[in-house]
Amino acid sequence: APGLPALLSYERHQRESKLIADKLTAIRRASPGRAIVLTAHSGGAGLAVWALEKLPPDVQVDRVLLLASALSPDYDLSAALRHVHGRMYNFYSKLDVAVLQAGTTLFGTIDGVKTPASGFAGFTPPAKADASAYRKLEQIPYDVKWMQWGNNGGHIGDMSEPFARHVLAPLVTEPLLARAEK
């Protein structure tokens, strides 16, 4: 179900994130050298992070892109980041007021906290967070120059095809291509 019911279905999210983790594990086992990049938008960021947390200790993905994440800003990413070989990028925007500031403050983030989400102001590592794991997290605030590629900073701005081509794709393809050529 789209919208608010989808955001608040915690048990379903846990089941679905387990299915994602199982699929990622199967892909990694079948093709150990294959690049795996997760991209998640809004509530999907919660499922991506929870899937990473459910991976076996020896399974990692190469990159993760979180776009307009609906997770709470102090959610501890330590366990998820241990399953990221390269970087986890968090794209956030202070212009996402309706959904990731007001909406999540009134109704809750995907992890059930009534606060502006990490897609609004970024993640803040909690005191118990693993500092070495958090070095893999790169937070990218909205840049007004992205308007030229259809991203106005709102909740779906990151979903623009020109934005994906000019901003997201280089984060995925260039580092992976360089790794594959070595």
Protein backbone atom coordinates (compact mmCIF):
# COMPACT_ATOMS: atom_id res chain seq x y z
CA ALA A 1 0.00 0.00 0.00
CA PRO A 2 1.38 3.43 -0.87
CA GLY A 3 1.73 6.37 1.48
CA LEU A 4 1.23 6.30 5.23
CA PRO A 5 0.10 2.64 5.54
CA ALA A 6 3.28 1.57 3.75
CA LEU A 7 5.43 3.66 6.08
CA LEU A 8 3.87 2.20 9.21
CA SER A 9 3.92 -1.55 8.36
CA TYR A 10 6.94 -2.45 10.51
CA GLU A 11 6.38 -6.23 10.63
CA ARG A 12 5.91 -6.39 6.86
CA HIS A 13 9.09 -4.34 6.38
CA GLN A 14 11.06 -6.81 8.46
CA ARG A 15 9.75 -9.76 6.39
CA GLU A 16 10.48 -7.95 3.12
CA SER A 17 13.97 -6.90 4.24
CA LYS A 18 14.73 -10.56 5.02
CA LEU A 19 13.71 -11.49 1.46
CA ILE A 20 16.00 -8.75 0.13
CA ALA A 21 18.87 -10.00 2.32
CA ASP A 22 18.32 -13.56 1.08
CA LYS A 23 18.38 -12.37 -2.55
CA LEU A 24 21.56 -10.33 -1.99
CA THR A 25 23.21 -13.32 -0.32
CA ALA A 26 22.25 -15.60 -3.22
CA ILE A 27 23.64 -13.11 -5.75
CA ARG A 28 26.90 -12.71 -3.82
CA ARG A 29 27.33 -16.50 -3.44
CA ALA A 30 26.57 -17.16 -7.13
CA SER A 31 28.80 -14.34 -8.42
CA PRO A 32 31.40 -13.30 -5.83
CA GLY A 33 33.01 -10.70 -8.13
CA ARG A 34 29.77 -9.14 -9.28
CA ALA A 35 29.14 -5.54 -8.19
CA ILE A 36 26.08 -5.03 -6.01
CA VAL A 37 24.72 -1.51 -5.58
CA LEU A 38 21.58 -0.82 -3.57
CA THR A 39 19.54 2.28 -4.27
CA ALA A 40 16.60 3.10 -2.02
CA HIS A 41 14.15 6.00 -1.83
CA SER A 42 12.14 7.21 1.17
CA GLY A 43 10.78 4.26 3.18
CA GLY A 44 12.80 1.92 0.99
CA ALA A 45 15.89 3.20 2.80
CA GLY A 46 14.63 1.43 5.92
CA LEU A 47 14.22 -1.84 4.02
CA ALA A 48 17.68 -1.49 2.47
CA VAL A 49 19.33 -0.82 5.84
CA TRP A 50 17.44 -3.66 7.54
CA ALA A 51 18.35 -6.03 4.69
CA LEU A 52 22.03 -5.13 5.15
CA GLU A 53 21.72 -5.84 8.88
CA LYS A 54 20.29 -9.31 8.10
CA LEU A 55 23.15 -10.36 5.79
CA PRO A 56 25.51 -13.14 6.88
CA PRO A 57 28.78 -11.79 8.36
CA ASP A 58 30.79 -12.51 5.18
CA VAL A 59 28.38 -10.85 2.71
CA GLN A 60 28.85 -7.24 1.61
CA VAL A 61 27.46 -4.97 -1.08
CA ASP A 62 29.64 -2.48 -2.93
CA ARG A 63 27.66 0.76 -2.61
CA VAL A 64 24.40 2.03 -1.14
CA LEU A 65 22.55 5.18 -2.20
CA LEU A 66 19.85 6.41 0.17
CA LEU A 67 17.62 9.04 -1.41
CA ALA A 68 15.22 11.05 0.78
CA SER A 69 15.55 8.45 3.54
CA ALA A 70 12.55 8.06 5.85
CA LEU A 71 14.67 6.53 8.63
CA SER A 72 15.10 8.55 11.83
CA PRO A 73 18.30 10.64 11.89
CA ASP A 74 19.74 8.87 14.93
CA TYR A 75 19.09 5.35 13.67
CA ASP A 76 22.32 3.39 14.27
CA LEU A 77 23.71 2.40 10.86
CA SER A 78 26.73 0.58 12.35
CA ALA A 79 25.54 -2.97 11.62
CA ALA A 80 24.38 -2.06 8.10
CA LEU A 81 27.61 -0.21 7.28
CA ARG A 82 29.67 -3.29 8.19
CA HIS A 83 28.08 -4.93 5.14
CA VAL A 84 29.11 -2.12 2.77
CA HIS A 85 32.45 -2.63 1.05
CA GLY A 86 32.65 0.90 -0.35
CA ARG A 87 30.43 3.84 0.57
CA MET A 88 26.89 4.51 1.70
CA TYR A 89 25.65 7.83 0.37
CA ASN A 90 22.79 9.65 2.08
CA PHE A 91 21.18 12.36 -0.05
CA TYR A 92 19.12 14.74 2.07
CA SER A 93 17.27 18.00 1.55
CA LYS A 94 16.01 20.70 3.94
CA LEU A 95 13.46 21.49 1.19
CA ASP A 96 11.66 18.15 1.76
CA VAL A 97 9.44 19.86 4.34
CA ALA A 98 6.04 18.29 3.62
CA VAL A 99 7.10 14.64 3.76
CA LEU A 100 10.37 14.29 5.66
CA GLN A 101 9.96 17.12 8.15
CA ALA A 102 6.24 17.62 8.84
CA GLY A 103 5.02 14.18 7.73
CA THR A 104 7.51 12.11 9.70
CA THR A 105 7.23 14.41 12.73
CA LEU A 106 3.45 13.91 12.82
CA PHE A 107 3.21 10.25 11.81
CA GLY A 108 6.66 8.79 12.40
CA THR A 109 9.63 7.63 10.37
CA ILE A 110 9.78 4.13 8.91
CA ASP A 111 11.43 2.99 12.16
CA GLY A 112 8.61 4.54 14.20
CA VAL A 113 10.16 7.74 15.57
CA LYS A 114 8.18 11.00 15.37
CA THR A 115 10.93 13.32 14.15
CA PRO A 116 12.20 14.92 10.94
CA ALA A 117 13.77 12.06 8.95
CA SER A 118 17.39 11.53 7.90
CA GLY A 119 16.40 12.50 4.36
CA PHE A 120 15.60 15.97 5.69
CA ALA A 121 18.72 16.76 7.75
CA GLY A 122 21.06 13.78 7.49
CA PHE A 123 22.06 11.08 9.96
CA THR A 124 23.55 11.84 13.37
CA PRO A 125 25.58 8.90 14.69
CA PRO A 126 24.31 7.86 18.13
CA ALA A 127 26.82 7.74 21.00
CA LYS A 128 27.04 3.92 20.78
CA ALA A 129 27.71 3.94 17.02
CA ASP A 130 30.79 2.25 15.55
CA ALA A 131 32.94 5.19 14.43
CA SER A 132 34.99 3.05 12.02
CA ALA A 133 31.81 1.82 10.28
CA TYR A 134 30.46 5.38 10.06
CA ARG A 135 33.52 6.42 8.03
CA LYS A 136 31.79 4.67 5.11
CA LEU A 137 28.82 7.06 5.33
CA GLU A 138 28.94 10.11 3.09
CA GLN A 139 26.13 12.61 3.57
CA ILE A 140 25.26 14.77 0.61
CA PRO A 141 23.04 17.83 1.21
CA TYR A 142 20.81 19.19 -1.53
CA ASP A 143 22.61 21.50 -3.94
CA VAL A 144 20.56 24.13 -5.79
CA LYS A 145 22.55 23.45 -8.99
CA TRP A 146 20.66 20.14 -9.19
CA MET A 147 17.58 22.07 -10.34
CA GLN A 148 19.08 22.00 -13.85
CA TRP A 149 18.60 18.20 -13.72
CA GLY A 150 15.03 18.26 -12.43
CA ASN A 151 15.74 17.95 -8.71
CA ASN A 152 13.96 20.76 -6.86
CA GLY A 153 14.87 19.41 -3.42
CA GLY A 154 11.40 18.02 -2.78
CA HIS A 155 10.60 14.43 -1.86
CA ILE A 156 10.84 13.02 -5.37
CA GLY A 157 13.53 15.35 -6.73
CA ASP A 158 16.16 12.60 -6.47
CA MET A 159 14.04 10.44 -8.78
CA SER A 160 14.54 12.67 -11.82
CA GLU A 161 16.21 10.81 -14.70
CA PRO A 162 18.60 13.69 -15.54
CA PHE A 163 19.60 13.93 -11.85
CA ALA A 164 20.21 10.19 -11.76
CA ARG A 165 22.33 10.39 -14.92
CA HIS A 166 24.45 13.37 -13.83
CA VAL A 167 24.76 12.91 -10.06
CA LEU A 168 23.91 9.35 -9.03
CA ALA A 169 25.31 7.31 -11.92
CA PRO A 170 28.89 8.59 -11.48
CA LEU A 171 28.81 7.46 -7.84
CA VAL A 172 27.87 3.99 -8.99
CA THR A 173 29.55 3.35 -12.33
CA GLU A 174 32.86 5.20 -12.22
CA PRO A 175 34.24 3.65 -9.02
CA LEU A 176 32.94 0.20 -10.00
CA LEU A 177 34.37 0.43 -13.49
CA ALA A 178 37.73 1.47 -12.09
CA ARG A 179 37.65 -1.50 -9.69
CA ALA A 180 36.69 -3.92 -12.49
CA GLU A 181 39.59 -2.75 -14.66
CA LYS A 182 42.22 -3.49 -11.99
